[in-house]
N, C-alpha and C. Protein backbone atom coordinates (compact mmCIF):
# COMPACT_ATOMS: atom_id res chain seq x y z
N MET A 1 128.39 -24.28 96.73
CA MET A 1 127.00 -23.68 97.01
C MET A 1 125.14 -24.46 96.63
N THR A 2 124.65 -24.71 97.25
CA THR A 2 122.98 -25.44 96.51
C THR A 2 122.37 -23.74 96.76
N LEU A 3 121.41 -24.13 95.80
CA LEU A 3 120.36 -23.58 95.20
C LEU A 3 119.37 -23.52 97.02
N GLU A 4 119.24 -24.27 97.58
CA GLU A 4 118.71 -24.23 99.02
C GLU A 4 119.33 -22.43 99.71
N LYS A 5 120.28 -23.29 99.69
CA LYS A 5 121.15 -21.98 100.54
C LYS A 5 121.46 -20.55 99.88
N ARG A 6 121.50 -20.11 98.48
CA ARG A 6 122.00 -18.81 98.23
C ARG A 6 120.36 -18.46 98.56
N VAL A 7 119.38 -19.12 98.50
CA VAL A 7 117.69 -18.67 98.73
C VAL A 7 117.88 -18.17 99.52
N GLU A 8 117.67 -19.01 100.86
CA GLU A 8 117.61 -18.53 102.40
C GLU A 8 119.10 -17.48 102.87
N GLU A 9 120.20 -17.31 102.23
CA GLU A 9 120.98 -16.21 102.48
C GLU A 9 120.40 -15.05 101.54
N LEU A 10 119.88 -14.79 100.66
CA LEU A 10 119.29 -14.17 99.60
C LEU A 10 118.07 -13.77 100.19
N GLU A 11 116.80 -14.09 101.04
CA GLU A 11 115.79 -13.84 102.49
C GLU A 11 116.73 -13.46 103.34
N MET A 12 118.37 -13.27 104.00
CA MET A 12 118.65 -13.20 105.16
C MET A 12 119.00 -11.46 104.54
N SER A 13 119.57 -11.28 103.90
CA SER A 13 119.85 -10.32 102.80
C SER A 13 118.87 -9.07 102.23
N LEU A 14 117.56 -9.48 102.05
CA LEU A 14 116.34 -9.07 101.58
C LEU A 14 115.64 -8.30 102.96
N LEU A 15 115.65 -9.76 104.13
CA LEU A 15 115.16 -9.31 105.60
C LEU A 15 116.44 -7.64 106.17
N HIS A 16 117.34 -7.72 105.61
CA HIS A 16 118.43 -7.11 106.55
C HIS A 16 117.99 -5.18 105.69
N THR A 17 117.83 -5.34 104.59
CA THR A 17 117.36 -4.71 103.41
C THR A 17 116.31 -3.57 104.31
N ARG A 18 115.41 -4.40 104.80
CA ARG A 18 114.55 -4.14 104.77
C ARG A 18 114.19 -3.24 105.92
N GLN A 19 114.78 -4.06 107.33
CA GLN A 19 115.07 -3.33 108.59
C GLN A 19 115.85 -2.16 108.69
N ALA A 20 117.05 -1.95 107.54
CA ALA A 20 118.19 -0.29 107.44
C ALA A 20 116.63 0.07 106.44
N ILE A 21 115.44 -0.10 105.69
CA ILE A 21 114.88 1.14 105.83
C ILE A 21 114.06 1.31 106.09
N ASN A 22 114.02 0.06 107.03
CA ASN A 22 112.97 0.82 108.49
C ASN A 22 113.67 2.28 109.23
N GLU A 23 114.82 2.12 109.68
CA GLU A 23 115.61 2.19 110.41
C GLU A 23 115.57 3.68 109.24
N ILE A 24 115.87 4.28 108.51
CA ILE A 24 115.59 5.02 107.88
C ILE A 24 114.85 5.97 107.86
N ASN A 25 113.97 5.05 107.37
CA ASN A 25 112.18 6.15 107.59
C ASN A 25 111.86 6.77 108.85
N CYS A 26 112.68 5.80 110.12
CA CYS A 26 112.19 6.52 111.44
C CYS A 26 113.20 7.59 111.90
N ALA A 27 114.36 7.97 111.40
CA ALA A 27 115.29 8.87 111.13
C ALA A 27 114.75 10.04 110.32
N ILE A 28 113.90 9.54 109.12
CA ILE A 28 113.29 10.77 108.42
C ILE A 28 112.37 11.35 109.29
N ASP A 29 111.25 10.74 109.83
CA ASP A 29 110.18 10.49 110.02
C ASP A 29 110.45 11.68 112.17
N GLU A 30 111.18 11.63 112.34
CA GLU A 30 111.95 12.03 113.81
C GLU A 30 112.20 13.82 113.44
N LEU A 31 113.49 13.06 111.70
CA LEU A 31 113.38 14.82 111.37
C LEU A 31 112.26 15.59 111.00
N SER A 32 112.26 15.05 110.25
CA SER A 32 111.36 16.02 109.99
C SER A 32 109.95 16.41 111.16
N LEU A 33 109.61 15.81 112.25
CA LEU A 33 109.55 16.01 113.70
C LEU A 33 110.00 17.37 113.59
N SER A 34 111.44 16.99 114.25
CA SER A 34 111.89 18.34 114.77
C SER A 34 111.85 19.59 113.55
N VAL A 35 111.98 19.11 112.05
CA VAL A 35 111.76 19.90 111.37
C VAL A 35 110.93 21.22 111.75
N ARG A 36 109.43 20.24 111.53
CA ARG A 36 108.16 20.73 112.14
C ARG A 36 108.25 21.87 113.14
N GLN A 37 108.59 20.99 113.55
CA GLN A 37 108.91 22.22 115.17
C GLN A 37 110.16 23.30 115.13
N GLN A 38 110.75 23.09 114.91
CA GLN A 38 111.21 24.11 114.40
C GLN A 38 111.83 25.85 113.37
N LEU A 39 110.29 25.30 112.58
CA LEU A 39 110.07 26.06 111.64
C LEU A 39 108.68 27.03 112.15
N VAL A 40 108.85 27.82 113.70
CA VAL A 40 108.11 28.35 113.40
C VAL A 40 108.40 29.65 114.08
N VAL A 41 107.59 30.50 113.23
CA VAL A 41 108.49 32.22 112.32
C VAL A 41 107.48 33.23 112.84
N ASP A 42 108.49 33.53 113.88
CA ASP A 42 107.66 35.04 114.67
C ASP A 42 108.11 36.12 114.31
N ASP A 43 108.42 36.44 113.29
CA ASP A 43 108.79 37.92 112.62
C ASP A 43 107.94 37.87 111.05
N MET A 44 106.86 38.61 111.20
CA MET A 44 105.68 38.66 110.91
C MET A 44 106.32 38.57 108.58
N ALA A 45 107.66 39.41 108.74
CA ALA A 45 108.03 39.82 107.69
C ALA A 45 108.77 38.27 106.62
N ALA A 46 108.79 37.71 107.39
CA ALA A 46 109.66 35.88 107.72
C ALA A 46 108.85 35.53 106.96
N GLN A 47 107.26 35.89 108.13
CA GLN A 47 106.91 34.99 107.56
C GLN A 47 105.94 35.02 106.43
N LYS A 48 105.93 36.62 105.27
CA LYS A 48 106.01 36.68 104.34
C LYS A 48 106.23 36.75 103.13
N GLN A 49 107.96 36.26 103.72
CA GLN A 49 108.44 35.72 102.34
C GLN A 49 108.99 34.25 102.01
N THR A 50 108.48 33.24 103.17
CA THR A 50 108.91 31.86 103.38
C THR A 50 107.13 31.62 103.04
N ALA A 51 107.80 30.63 102.44
CA ALA A 51 106.30 29.58 102.66
C ALA A 51 106.70 28.15 102.60
N VAL A 52 106.10 27.91 103.76
CA VAL A 52 106.21 26.19 103.70
C VAL A 52 104.89 25.58 103.93
N GLN A 53 105.10 24.45 103.57
CA GLN A 53 104.55 23.38 103.04
C GLN A 53 104.55 22.00 103.51
N LEU A 54 103.50 21.63 104.76
CA LEU A 54 103.38 20.35 105.36
C LEU A 54 102.41 19.00 104.63
N GLU A 55 103.25 18.55 104.00
CA GLU A 55 102.59 17.29 103.93
C GLU A 55 102.17 15.98 104.09
N ASP A 56 101.45 15.46 104.82
CA ASP A 56 102.04 13.70 105.62
C ASP A 56 103.47 13.25 105.40
N SER A 57 103.88 13.29 103.83
CA SER A 57 104.66 12.63 102.91
C SER A 57 106.35 13.32 103.94
N GLY A 58 106.01 14.38 104.05
CA GLY A 58 107.13 15.40 104.51
C GLY A 58 106.93 16.76 104.70
N CYS A 59 107.79 18.41 104.07
CA CYS A 59 107.67 18.55 104.44
C CYS A 59 108.46 20.30 103.72
N LYS A 60 107.84 21.04 102.97
CA LYS A 60 109.01 21.75 102.19
C LYS A 60 108.75 23.34 102.06
N VAL A 61 110.11 23.98 102.73
CA VAL A 61 109.91 25.27 102.58
C VAL A 61 110.34 26.03 101.67
N HIS A 62 110.33 27.05 101.17
CA HIS A 62 110.49 27.68 100.30
C HIS A 62 111.60 28.59 100.71
N LEU A 63 112.25 28.93 100.46
CA LEU A 63 113.55 30.41 100.80
C LEU A 63 113.60 31.56 100.67
N PRO A 64 113.06 32.61 101.51
CA PRO A 64 113.34 34.29 100.63
C PRO A 64 114.32 34.28 99.79
N ALA A 65 115.53 33.75 99.36
CA ALA A 65 116.18 34.05 99.33
C ALA A 65 116.46 33.02 97.66
N GLY A 66 115.18 32.33 97.64
CA GLY A 66 115.31 31.21 97.06
C GLY A 66 115.55 29.97 97.03
N GLY A 67 115.40 28.61 96.74
CA GLY A 67 115.47 27.42 96.85
C GLY A 67 114.71 26.89 97.41
N VAL A 68 114.79 25.41 97.88
CA VAL A 68 114.29 24.86 98.30
C VAL A 68 114.37 24.11 99.53
N ILE A 69 114.01 23.91 100.87
CA ILE A 69 114.47 22.21 101.78
C ILE A 69 113.44 21.66 100.97
N VAL A 70 113.73 20.05 101.41
CA VAL A 70 112.83 19.63 100.66
C VAL A 70 112.74 17.87 101.61
N ILE A 71 112.42 17.48 103.01
CA ILE A 71 112.62 16.48 103.53
C ILE A 71 110.56 15.66 103.19
N ASN A 72 111.30 14.59 102.74
CA ASN A 72 110.20 13.43 102.42
C ASN A 72 110.17 12.48 103.09
N ARG A 73 109.49 11.32 103.43
CA ARG A 73 109.75 10.50 103.55
C ARG A 73 108.99 9.61 102.44
N PHE A 74 110.08 8.32 102.55
CA PHE A 74 109.84 7.58 101.26
C PHE A 74 109.51 6.13 101.73
């Protein structure tokens, strides 16, 4: 295999990797939006026990029983 052919294959592989990363980021964005929409808490006690941090890069939910759910966009 010539060096030129190998470079072409590596460029194509890089393109496919970037496309896959784009698709993953889109899926994360959709999931993050869905989670944000579902984080409407009606119960005041639950609101006091649950801390929700919404950020541009994602969201973080501190659960009342301990633990954290983090959704980040990278």
